[in-house]
Amino acid sequence: MPSRSINFILTGVGVAFLFPCLFFLWYCVRLLFLNIAMSADEAVAHRTAGMLIGAIAFPLATIFFGVISTICLRRGLRGLLRK
């Protein structure tokens, strides 16, 4: 059974990975909104390689950081609340 200090560390890591997850989630929603809200002429002018890379990288980063955060928070809090 892991010690209490390991559970604190896991909880801290989970909280630390929560912030990048929320950051990338915000930019996913923002990028989606920009693509939907723009007129066709404006969208063509702003669709660059960076926007396409962001459309792929931001959701993947959100999922990656979210999974790590969820795993660490579950394990850390489960151990802290069990005792």
N, C-alpha and C. Protein backbone atom coordinates (compact mmCIF):
# COMPACT_ATOMS: atom_id res chain seq x y z
N MET A 1 0.84 -1.17 0.00
CA MET A 1 0.00 0.00 0.00
C MET A 1 0.89 1.25 0.00
N PRO A 2 0.65 2.20 -0.94
CA PRO A 2 1.49 3.40 -1.01
C PRO A 2 1.35 4.26 0.25
N SER A 3 2.42 4.94 0.56
CA SER A 3 2.41 5.79 1.75
C SER A 3 1.62 7.07 1.48
N ARG A 4 1.35 7.78 2.55
CA ARG A 4 0.57 9.02 2.45
C ARG A 4 1.31 10.08 1.64
N SER A 5 2.62 10.12 1.72
CA SER A 5 3.37 11.13 0.96
C SER A 5 3.28 10.87 -0.54
N ILE A 6 3.25 9.62 -0.95
CA ILE A 6 3.09 9.30 -2.37
C ILE A 6 1.71 9.74 -2.85
N ASN A 7 0.71 9.57 -1.99
CA ASN A 7 -0.63 10.01 -2.36
C ASN A 7 -0.70 11.53 -2.52
N PHE A 8 0.01 12.28 -1.66
CA PHE A 8 0.08 13.72 -1.81
C PHE A 8 0.78 14.11 -3.11
N ILE A 9 1.84 13.40 -3.44
CA ILE A 9 2.58 13.68 -4.68
C ILE A 9 1.69 13.39 -5.89
N LEU A 10 0.99 12.27 -5.88
CA LEU A 10 0.09 11.93 -6.99
C LEU A 10 -1.02 12.97 -7.15
N THR A 11 -1.56 13.43 -6.03
CA THR A 11 -2.60 14.45 -6.09
C THR A 11 -2.03 15.76 -6.65
N GLY A 12 -0.83 16.12 -6.22
CA GLY A 12 -0.18 17.33 -6.74
C GLY A 12 0.11 17.24 -8.23
N VAL A 13 0.57 16.08 -8.67
CA VAL A 13 0.82 15.88 -10.11
C VAL A 13 -0.49 15.96 -10.89
N GLY A 14 -1.55 15.38 -10.32
CA GLY A 14 -2.86 15.44 -10.98
C GLY A 14 -3.36 16.87 -11.12
N VAL A 15 -3.19 17.67 -10.09
CA VAL A 15 -3.60 19.08 -10.15
C VAL A 15 -2.70 19.84 -11.13
N ALA A 16 -1.42 19.54 -11.12
CA ALA A 16 -0.48 20.22 -12.02
C ALA A 16 -0.81 19.94 -13.49
N PHE A 17 -1.22 18.72 -13.81
CA PHE A 17 -1.56 18.38 -15.19
C PHE A 17 -2.97 18.84 -15.56
N LEU A 18 -3.75 19.24 -14.58
CA LEU A 18 -5.09 19.74 -14.86
C LEU A 18 -5.02 21.11 -15.55
N PHE A 19 -4.07 21.94 -15.17
CA PHE A 19 -3.96 23.28 -15.75
C PHE A 19 -3.62 23.27 -17.24
N PRO A 20 -2.63 22.48 -17.70
CA PRO A 20 -2.41 22.43 -19.15
C PRO A 20 -3.61 21.83 -19.89
N CYS A 21 -4.30 20.89 -19.26
CA CYS A 21 -5.49 20.32 -19.89
C CYS A 21 -6.54 21.40 -20.11
N LEU A 22 -6.79 22.22 -19.11
CA LEU A 22 -7.77 23.29 -19.24
C LEU A 22 -7.32 24.35 -20.25
N PHE A 23 -6.01 24.62 -20.28
CA PHE A 23 -5.46 25.57 -21.25
C PHE A 23 -5.71 25.10 -22.68
N PHE A 24 -5.36 23.85 -22.97
CA PHE A 24 -5.55 23.33 -24.32
C PHE A 24 -7.02 23.16 -24.66
N LEU A 25 -7.85 22.85 -23.67
CA LEU A 25 -9.29 22.78 -23.91
C LEU A 25 -9.83 24.14 -24.31
N TRP A 26 -9.38 25.20 -23.63
CA TRP A 26 -9.79 26.55 -23.97
C TRP A 26 -9.42 26.88 -25.41
N TYR A 27 -8.19 26.54 -25.82
CA TYR A 27 -7.78 26.85 -27.17
C TYR A 27 -8.47 25.97 -28.21
N CYS A 28 -8.86 24.77 -27.85
CA CYS A 28 -9.67 23.95 -28.77
C CYS A 28 -11.01 24.61 -29.03
N VAL A 29 -11.66 25.05 -27.96
CA VAL A 29 -12.96 25.71 -28.09
C VAL A 29 -12.81 27.03 -28.85
N ARG A 30 -11.76 27.76 -28.56
CA ARG A 30 -11.51 29.04 -29.25
C ARG A 30 -11.27 28.82 -30.74
N LEU A 31 -10.48 27.83 -31.08
CA LEU A 31 -10.20 27.54 -32.48
C LEU A 31 -11.46 27.10 -33.21
N LEU A 32 -12.27 26.30 -32.56
CA LEU A 32 -13.54 25.88 -33.14
C LEU A 32 -14.46 27.08 -33.36
N PHE A 33 -14.54 27.95 -32.36
CA PHE A 33 -15.37 29.14 -32.47
C PHE A 33 -14.89 30.04 -33.61
N LEU A 34 -13.58 30.23 -33.73
CA LEU A 34 -13.06 31.08 -34.81
C LEU A 34 -13.40 30.50 -36.18
N ASN A 35 -13.33 29.21 -36.31
CA ASN A 35 -13.65 28.59 -37.60
C ASN A 35 -15.13 28.68 -37.92
N ILE A 36 -15.98 28.61 -36.91
CA ILE A 36 -17.42 28.66 -37.14
C ILE A 36 -17.90 30.09 -37.32
N ALA A 37 -17.37 31.02 -36.53
CA ALA A 37 -17.87 32.39 -36.51
C ALA A 37 -17.39 33.24 -37.69
N MET A 38 -16.30 32.87 -38.31
CA MET A 38 -15.76 33.67 -39.41
C MET A 38 -16.58 33.47 -40.68
N SER A 39 -16.59 34.52 -41.48
CA SER A 39 -17.18 34.37 -42.81
C SER A 39 -16.22 33.55 -43.67
N ALA A 40 -16.68 33.13 -44.81
CA ALA A 40 -15.87 32.28 -45.68
C ALA A 40 -14.60 33.00 -46.14
N ASP A 41 -14.70 34.28 -46.44
CA ASP A 41 -13.52 35.03 -46.89
C ASP A 41 -12.49 35.20 -45.78
N GLU A 42 -12.97 35.49 -44.56
CA GLU A 42 -12.05 35.63 -43.44
C GLU A 42 -11.40 34.30 -43.09
N ALA A 43 -12.15 33.24 -43.15
CA ALA A 43 -11.62 31.92 -42.80
C ALA A 43 -10.51 31.50 -43.75
N VAL A 44 -10.67 31.78 -45.02
CA VAL A 44 -9.64 31.40 -45.99
C VAL A 44 -8.35 32.16 -45.70
N ALA A 45 -8.46 33.42 -45.31
CA ALA A 45 -7.28 34.23 -45.04
C ALA A 45 -6.54 33.74 -43.79
N HIS A 46 -7.25 33.16 -42.83
CA HIS A 46 -6.62 32.76 -41.57
C HIS A 46 -6.30 31.28 -41.48
N ARG A 47 -6.75 30.50 -42.43
CA ARG A 47 -6.44 29.07 -42.38
C ARG A 47 -5.03 28.86 -42.91
N THR A 48 -4.14 28.70 -41.97
CA THR A 48 -2.74 28.50 -42.32
C THR A 48 -2.31 27.15 -41.77
N ALA A 49 -1.06 26.83 -41.98
CA ALA A 49 -0.54 25.56 -41.46
C ALA A 49 -0.61 25.53 -39.94
N GLY A 50 -0.40 26.68 -39.29
CA GLY A 50 -0.46 26.74 -37.84
C GLY A 50 -1.85 26.41 -37.30
N MET A 51 -2.87 26.88 -37.99
CA MET A 51 -4.23 26.60 -37.55
C MET A 51 -4.56 25.12 -37.74
N LEU A 52 -4.07 24.54 -38.81
CA LEU A 52 -4.31 23.11 -39.04
C LEU A 52 -3.55 22.25 -38.03
N ILE A 53 -2.33 22.65 -37.73
CA ILE A 53 -1.56 21.91 -36.72
C ILE A 53 -2.24 22.04 -35.37
N GLY A 54 -2.73 23.24 -35.04
CA GLY A 54 -3.45 23.44 -33.79
C GLY A 54 -4.72 22.62 -33.71
N ALA A 55 -5.39 22.45 -34.84
CA ALA A 55 -6.62 21.66 -34.86
C ALA A 55 -6.35 20.19 -34.55
N ILE A 56 -5.14 19.75 -34.79
CA ILE A 56 -4.77 18.36 -34.48
C ILE A 56 -4.10 18.28 -33.11
N ALA A 57 -3.17 19.20 -32.84
CA ALA A 57 -2.36 19.10 -31.62
C ALA A 57 -3.13 19.47 -30.36
N PHE A 58 -3.99 20.48 -30.41
CA PHE A 58 -4.68 20.92 -29.19
C PHE A 58 -5.61 19.85 -28.63
N PRO A 59 -6.44 19.20 -29.45
CA PRO A 59 -7.28 18.13 -28.88
C PRO A 59 -6.46 16.96 -28.34
N LEU A 60 -5.38 16.61 -29.04
CA LEU A 60 -4.53 15.52 -28.56
C LEU A 60 -3.87 15.88 -27.23
N ALA A 61 -3.40 17.12 -27.11
CA ALA A 61 -2.79 17.56 -25.86
C ALA A 61 -3.82 17.60 -24.73
N THR A 62 -5.05 18.02 -25.06
CA THR A 62 -6.11 18.04 -24.05
C THR A 62 -6.38 16.64 -23.53
N ILE A 63 -6.48 15.69 -24.43
CA ILE A 63 -6.74 14.30 -24.02
C ILE A 63 -5.56 13.75 -23.22
N PHE A 64 -4.35 14.00 -23.69
CA PHE A 64 -3.15 13.50 -23.02
C PHE A 64 -3.06 14.01 -21.58
N PHE A 65 -3.14 15.34 -21.42
CA PHE A 65 -3.04 15.92 -20.07
C PHE A 65 -4.23 15.55 -19.21
N GLY A 66 -5.40 15.43 -19.80
CA GLY A 66 -6.59 15.05 -19.05
C GLY A 66 -6.52 13.64 -18.52
N VAL A 67 -6.02 12.71 -19.32
CA VAL A 67 -5.89 11.32 -18.88
C VAL A 67 -4.88 11.21 -17.75
N ILE A 68 -3.74 11.86 -17.90
CA ILE A 68 -2.72 11.82 -16.84
C ILE A 68 -3.27 12.44 -15.55
N SER A 69 -3.95 13.57 -15.68
CA SER A 69 -4.51 14.23 -14.51
C SER A 69 -5.55 13.35 -13.83
N THR A 70 -6.42 12.73 -14.60
CA THR A 70 -7.46 11.87 -14.04
C THR A 70 -6.86 10.68 -13.31
N ILE A 71 -5.89 10.03 -13.92
CA ILE A 71 -5.27 8.86 -13.30
C ILE A 71 -4.59 9.24 -11.98
N CYS A 72 -3.81 10.32 -12.02
CA CYS A 72 -3.09 10.73 -10.81
C CYS A 72 -4.04 11.19 -9.71
N LEU A 73 -5.07 11.95 -10.07
CA LEU A 73 -6.02 12.40 -9.05
C LEU A 73 -6.80 11.23 -8.45
N ARG A 74 -7.21 10.29 -9.26
CA ARG A 74 -7.95 9.13 -8.73
C ARG A 74 -7.10 8.33 -7.75
N ARG A 75 -5.87 8.04 -8.16
CA ARG A 75 -5.01 7.24 -7.29
C ARG A 75 -4.60 7.99 -6.03
N GLY A 76 -4.30 9.27 -6.20
CA GLY A 76 -3.88 10.06 -5.04
C GLY A 76 -5.00 10.30 -4.06
N LEU A 77 -6.15 10.69 -4.55
CA LEU A 77 -7.27 10.97 -3.65
C LEU A 77 -7.85 9.69 -3.04
N ARG A 78 -7.83 8.61 -3.81
CA ARG A 78 -8.32 7.33 -3.27
C ARG A 78 -7.49 6.93 -2.05
N GLY A 79 -6.20 7.10 -2.15
CA GLY A 79 -5.33 6.74 -1.02
C GLY A 79 -5.48 7.69 0.15
N LEU A 80 -5.69 8.97 -0.14
CA LEU A 80 -5.83 9.94 0.95
C LEU A 80 -7.17 9.80 1.67
N LEU A 81 -8.21 9.52 0.94
CA LEU A 81 -9.54 9.43 1.55
C LEU A 81 -9.80 8.09 2.20
N ARG A 82 -9.05 7.07 1.81
CA ARG A 82 -9.25 5.72 2.35
C ARG A 82 -8.82 5.64 3.79
N LYS A 83 -7.78 6.36 4.16
CA LYS A 83 -7.20 6.22 5.50
C LYS A 83 -7.93 7.03 6.52
